[in-house]
Amino acid sequence: MHPAVHSAIAALIAENKTPTVALTKSKLSEPVPMPLVIAGLTAYKNDPNCINTQPAAAPKAKATEQNQLDRIEQKLDRLLALLEKDN
């Protein structure tokens, strides 16, 4: 389940509201495609306890991957500069 959808459904449950597509979309903290909202609601309806688990940490993983790519690019730039200096 998308983390934003998970949070939106959890917020609705905390307000004692029944999650629907419209209510969930209104509680989203970021834009999420409709199929992911529907999939999240379906998962919740099939297993209401799934909201008690923590959402996946995908956004943090993407930030870590970007930081790693930035470091690799910096190293590559230094290596290229050294090679150009030697020639």
N, C-alpha and C. Protein backbone atom coordinates (compact mmCIF):
# COMPACT_ATOMS: atom_id res chain seq x y z
N MET A 1 0.86 -1.17 0.00
CA MET A 1 0.00 0.00 0.00
C MET A 1 0.91 1.24 0.00
N HIS A 2 0.54 2.21 -0.82
CA HIS A 2 1.29 3.46 -0.90
C HIS A 2 1.27 4.14 0.48
N PRO A 3 2.42 4.66 0.94
CA PRO A 3 2.47 5.27 2.28
C PRO A 3 1.48 6.42 2.47
N ALA A 4 1.26 7.24 1.45
CA ALA A 4 0.32 8.36 1.59
C ALA A 4 -1.12 7.84 1.74
N VAL A 5 -1.44 6.78 1.03
CA VAL A 5 -2.78 6.18 1.13
C VAL A 5 -2.95 5.56 2.51
N HIS A 6 -1.91 4.89 2.96
CA HIS A 6 -1.93 4.28 4.30
C HIS A 6 -2.21 5.35 5.36
N SER A 7 -1.48 6.47 5.27
CA SER A 7 -1.65 7.55 6.24
C SER A 7 -3.04 8.17 6.17
N ALA A 8 -3.55 8.33 4.95
CA ALA A 8 -4.88 8.92 4.79
C ALA A 8 -5.95 8.02 5.39
N ILE A 9 -5.86 6.73 5.14
CA ILE A 9 -6.85 5.79 5.69
C ILE A 9 -6.73 5.75 7.21
N ALA A 10 -5.52 5.75 7.72
CA ALA A 10 -5.32 5.74 9.17
C ALA A 10 -5.91 7.00 9.80
N ALA A 11 -5.75 8.15 9.14
CA ALA A 11 -6.30 9.40 9.67
C ALA A 11 -7.83 9.34 9.69
N LEU A 12 -8.43 8.78 8.66
CA LEU A 12 -9.89 8.66 8.62
C LEU A 12 -10.40 7.74 9.73
N ILE A 13 -9.68 6.65 9.94
CA ILE A 13 -10.08 5.71 11.00
C ILE A 13 -9.97 6.40 12.36
N ALA A 14 -8.92 7.19 12.54
CA ALA A 14 -8.75 7.91 13.81
C ALA A 14 -9.89 8.90 14.06
N GLU A 15 -10.49 9.39 12.98
CA GLU A 15 -11.63 10.30 13.09
C GLU A 15 -12.96 9.54 13.15
N ASN A 16 -12.90 8.23 13.24
CA ASN A 16 -14.09 7.36 13.26
C ASN A 16 -14.92 7.51 11.99
N LYS A 17 -14.26 7.69 10.86
CA LYS A 17 -14.95 7.77 9.57
C LYS A 17 -14.64 6.51 8.78
N THR A 18 -15.59 6.09 7.96
CA THR A 18 -15.38 4.95 7.09
C THR A 18 -14.64 5.42 5.84
N PRO A 19 -13.47 4.85 5.56
CA PRO A 19 -12.70 5.28 4.39
C PRO A 19 -13.43 4.99 3.08
N THR A 20 -13.55 6.00 2.26
CA THR A 20 -14.09 5.86 0.91
C THR A 20 -13.06 6.47 -0.03
N VAL A 21 -13.26 6.30 -1.32
CA VAL A 21 -12.33 6.85 -2.29
C VAL A 21 -12.25 8.37 -2.13
N ALA A 22 -13.39 9.03 -2.07
CA ALA A 22 -13.42 10.49 -1.98
C ALA A 22 -12.77 10.99 -0.68
N LEU A 23 -13.11 10.38 0.43
CA LEU A 23 -12.53 10.80 1.71
C LEU A 23 -11.02 10.54 1.74
N THR A 24 -10.62 9.41 1.22
CA THR A 24 -9.19 9.08 1.20
C THR A 24 -8.43 10.07 0.33
N LYS A 25 -8.97 10.37 -0.88
CA LYS A 25 -8.32 11.34 -1.76
C LYS A 25 -8.20 12.70 -1.08
N SER A 26 -9.21 13.07 -0.30
CA SER A 26 -9.18 14.38 0.36
C SER A 26 -8.13 14.45 1.46
N LYS A 27 -7.74 13.32 2.01
CA LYS A 27 -6.77 13.28 3.10
C LYS A 27 -5.33 13.05 2.63
N LEU A 28 -5.13 12.84 1.34
CA LEU A 28 -3.79 12.54 0.84
C LEU A 28 -2.85 13.72 1.03
N SER A 29 -1.62 13.42 1.41
CA SER A 29 -0.61 14.47 1.61
C SER A 29 0.16 14.76 0.34
N GLU A 30 -0.02 13.93 -0.68
CA GLU A 30 0.65 14.11 -1.97
C GLU A 30 -0.23 13.49 -3.06
N PRO A 31 -0.02 13.89 -4.31
CA PRO A 31 -0.82 13.28 -5.38
C PRO A 31 -0.51 11.79 -5.52
N VAL A 32 -1.55 11.00 -5.60
CA VAL A 32 -1.42 9.55 -5.75
C VAL A 32 -2.39 9.13 -6.85
N PRO A 33 -1.94 8.30 -7.80
CA PRO A 33 -2.83 7.84 -8.85
C PRO A 33 -4.03 7.08 -8.29
N MET A 34 -5.17 7.26 -8.93
CA MET A 34 -6.43 6.64 -8.48
C MET A 34 -6.30 5.12 -8.30
N PRO A 35 -5.62 4.39 -9.20
CA PRO A 35 -5.52 2.94 -8.99
C PRO A 35 -4.84 2.57 -7.67
N LEU A 36 -3.89 3.38 -7.22
CA LEU A 36 -3.23 3.09 -5.94
C LEU A 36 -4.15 3.38 -4.76
N VAL A 37 -4.99 4.40 -4.89
CA VAL A 37 -5.96 4.70 -3.84
C VAL A 37 -6.96 3.55 -3.73
N ILE A 38 -7.46 3.11 -4.87
CA ILE A 38 -8.43 2.00 -4.89
C ILE A 38 -7.79 0.72 -4.36
N ALA A 39 -6.55 0.46 -4.74
CA ALA A 39 -5.87 -0.74 -4.26
C ALA A 39 -5.70 -0.68 -2.74
N GLY A 40 -5.37 0.49 -2.23
CA GLY A 40 -5.22 0.64 -0.78
C GLY A 40 -6.53 0.42 -0.05
N LEU A 41 -7.60 0.97 -0.58
CA LEU A 41 -8.92 0.77 0.04
C LEU A 41 -9.35 -0.69 -0.02
N THR A 42 -9.06 -1.33 -1.13
CA THR A 42 -9.40 -2.75 -1.28
C THR A 42 -8.62 -3.58 -0.25
N ALA A 43 -7.33 -3.27 -0.11
CA ALA A 43 -6.53 -3.99 0.88
C ALA A 43 -7.07 -3.77 2.28
N TYR A 44 -7.46 -2.54 2.58
CA TYR A 44 -8.02 -2.24 3.91
C TYR A 44 -9.34 -2.98 4.13
N LYS A 45 -10.20 -3.01 3.11
CA LYS A 45 -11.49 -3.69 3.27
C LYS A 45 -11.31 -5.19 3.43
N ASN A 46 -10.29 -5.76 2.75
CA ASN A 46 -10.02 -7.20 2.87
C ASN A 46 -9.37 -7.55 4.21
N ASP A 47 -8.57 -6.62 4.75
CA ASP A 47 -7.88 -6.86 6.01
C ASP A 47 -7.72 -5.54 6.76
N PRO A 48 -8.72 -5.15 7.56
CA PRO A 48 -8.65 -3.88 8.28
C PRO A 48 -7.43 -3.75 9.20
N ASN A 49 -6.85 -4.87 9.60
CA ASN A 49 -5.66 -4.82 10.46
C ASN A 49 -4.41 -4.37 9.72
N CYS A 50 -4.46 -4.31 8.39
CA CYS A 50 -3.27 -3.90 7.64
C CYS A 50 -2.90 -2.45 7.93
N ILE A 51 -3.85 -1.67 8.43
CA ILE A 51 -3.56 -0.27 8.77
C ILE A 51 -2.71 -0.19 10.03
N ASN A 52 -2.74 -1.21 10.86
CA ASN A 52 -1.96 -1.21 12.09
C ASN A 52 -0.47 -1.41 11.83
N THR A 53 -0.11 -1.88 10.64
CA THR A 53 1.30 -2.06 10.30
C THR A 53 1.87 -0.76 9.75
N GLN A 54 3.17 -0.63 9.80
CA GLN A 54 3.83 0.57 9.30
C GLN A 54 3.84 0.56 7.76
N PRO A 55 3.66 1.72 7.13
CA PRO A 55 3.75 1.77 5.67
C PRO A 55 5.19 1.57 5.22
N ALA A 56 5.35 1.18 3.97
CA ALA A 56 6.68 0.99 3.41
C ALA A 56 7.45 2.30 3.38
N ALA A 57 8.74 2.21 3.50
CA ALA A 57 9.59 3.40 3.55
C ALA A 57 10.18 3.73 2.18
N ALA A 58 9.38 3.69 1.16
CA ALA A 58 9.87 3.94 -0.19
C ALA A 58 10.44 5.33 -0.39
N PRO A 59 9.80 6.40 0.10
CA PRO A 59 10.39 7.71 -0.13
C PRO A 59 11.78 7.87 0.48
N LYS A 60 12.01 7.29 1.65
CA LYS A 60 13.33 7.36 2.27
C LYS A 60 14.35 6.59 1.45
N ALA A 61 13.95 5.45 0.91
CA ALA A 61 14.86 4.66 0.09
C ALA A 61 15.26 5.42 -1.15
N LYS A 62 14.32 6.13 -1.76
CA LYS A 62 14.64 6.92 -2.95
C LYS A 62 15.62 8.03 -2.62
N ALA A 63 15.47 8.66 -1.47
CA ALA A 63 16.40 9.72 -1.06
C ALA A 63 17.79 9.14 -0.84
N THR A 64 17.87 7.97 -0.23
CA THR A 64 19.16 7.32 0.00
C THR A 64 19.81 6.96 -1.33
N GLU A 65 19.02 6.43 -2.26
CA GLU A 65 19.55 6.09 -3.57
C GLU A 65 20.06 7.33 -4.29
N GLN A 66 19.34 8.44 -4.18
CA GLN A 66 19.77 9.68 -4.83
C GLN A 66 21.07 10.17 -4.22
N ASN A 67 21.20 10.10 -2.89
CA ASN A 67 22.44 10.50 -2.23
C ASN A 67 23.61 9.64 -2.71
N GLN A 68 23.38 8.36 -2.85
CA GLN A 68 24.42 7.46 -3.32
C GLN A 68 24.80 7.80 -4.75
N LEU A 69 23.82 8.08 -5.60
CA LEU A 69 24.12 8.46 -6.97
C LEU A 69 24.91 9.76 -7.02
N ASP A 70 24.57 10.70 -6.18
CA ASP A 70 25.30 11.97 -6.13
C ASP A 70 26.77 11.73 -5.76
N ARG A 71 27.02 10.87 -4.78
CA ARG A 71 28.40 10.57 -4.38
C ARG A 71 29.16 9.90 -5.51
N ILE A 72 28.51 8.97 -6.21
CA ILE A 72 29.16 8.28 -7.32
C ILE A 72 29.49 9.28 -8.43
N GLU A 73 28.59 10.19 -8.72
CA GLU A 73 28.85 11.20 -9.75
C GLU A 73 30.03 12.08 -9.36
N GLN A 74 30.12 12.46 -8.10
CA GLN A 74 31.24 13.28 -7.65
C GLN A 74 32.56 12.55 -7.80
N LYS A 75 32.59 11.27 -7.46
CA LYS A 75 33.81 10.48 -7.62
C LYS A 75 34.18 10.35 -9.09
N LEU A 76 33.18 10.13 -9.92
CA LEU A 76 33.44 10.01 -11.35
C LEU A 76 34.00 11.32 -11.91
N ASP A 77 33.46 12.45 -11.47
CA ASP A 77 33.97 13.74 -11.91
C ASP A 77 35.44 13.91 -11.50
N ARG A 78 35.79 13.50 -10.29
CA ARG A 78 37.18 13.61 -9.84
C ARG A 78 38.09 12.71 -10.65
N LEU A 79 37.64 11.49 -10.94
CA LEU A 79 38.46 10.57 -11.74
C LEU A 79 38.68 11.11 -13.16
N LEU A 80 37.63 11.65 -13.76
CA LEU A 80 37.75 12.21 -15.09
C LEU A 80 38.70 13.40 -15.10
N ALA A 81 38.62 14.22 -14.07
CA ALA A 81 39.52 15.37 -13.96
C ALA A 81 40.97 14.91 -13.84
N LEU A 82 41.23 13.85 -13.07
CA LEU A 82 42.58 13.31 -12.93
C LEU A 82 43.09 12.75 -14.26
N LEU A 83 42.22 12.05 -14.97
CA LEU A 83 42.62 11.49 -16.28
C LEU A 83 42.93 12.60 -17.29
N GLU A 84 42.14 13.65 -17.29
CA GLU A 84 42.38 14.75 -18.21
C GLU A 84 43.68 15.48 -17.86
N LYS A 85 43.96 15.56 -16.58
CA LYS A 85 45.17 16.23 -16.11
C LYS A 85 46.43 15.48 -16.55
N ASP A 86 46.37 14.14 -16.53
CA ASP A 86 47.50 13.30 -16.92
C ASP A 86 47.74 13.34 -18.43
N ASN A 87 46.71 13.59 -19.22
CA ASN A 87 46.87 13.60 -20.68
C ASN A 87 47.25 14.94 -21.10
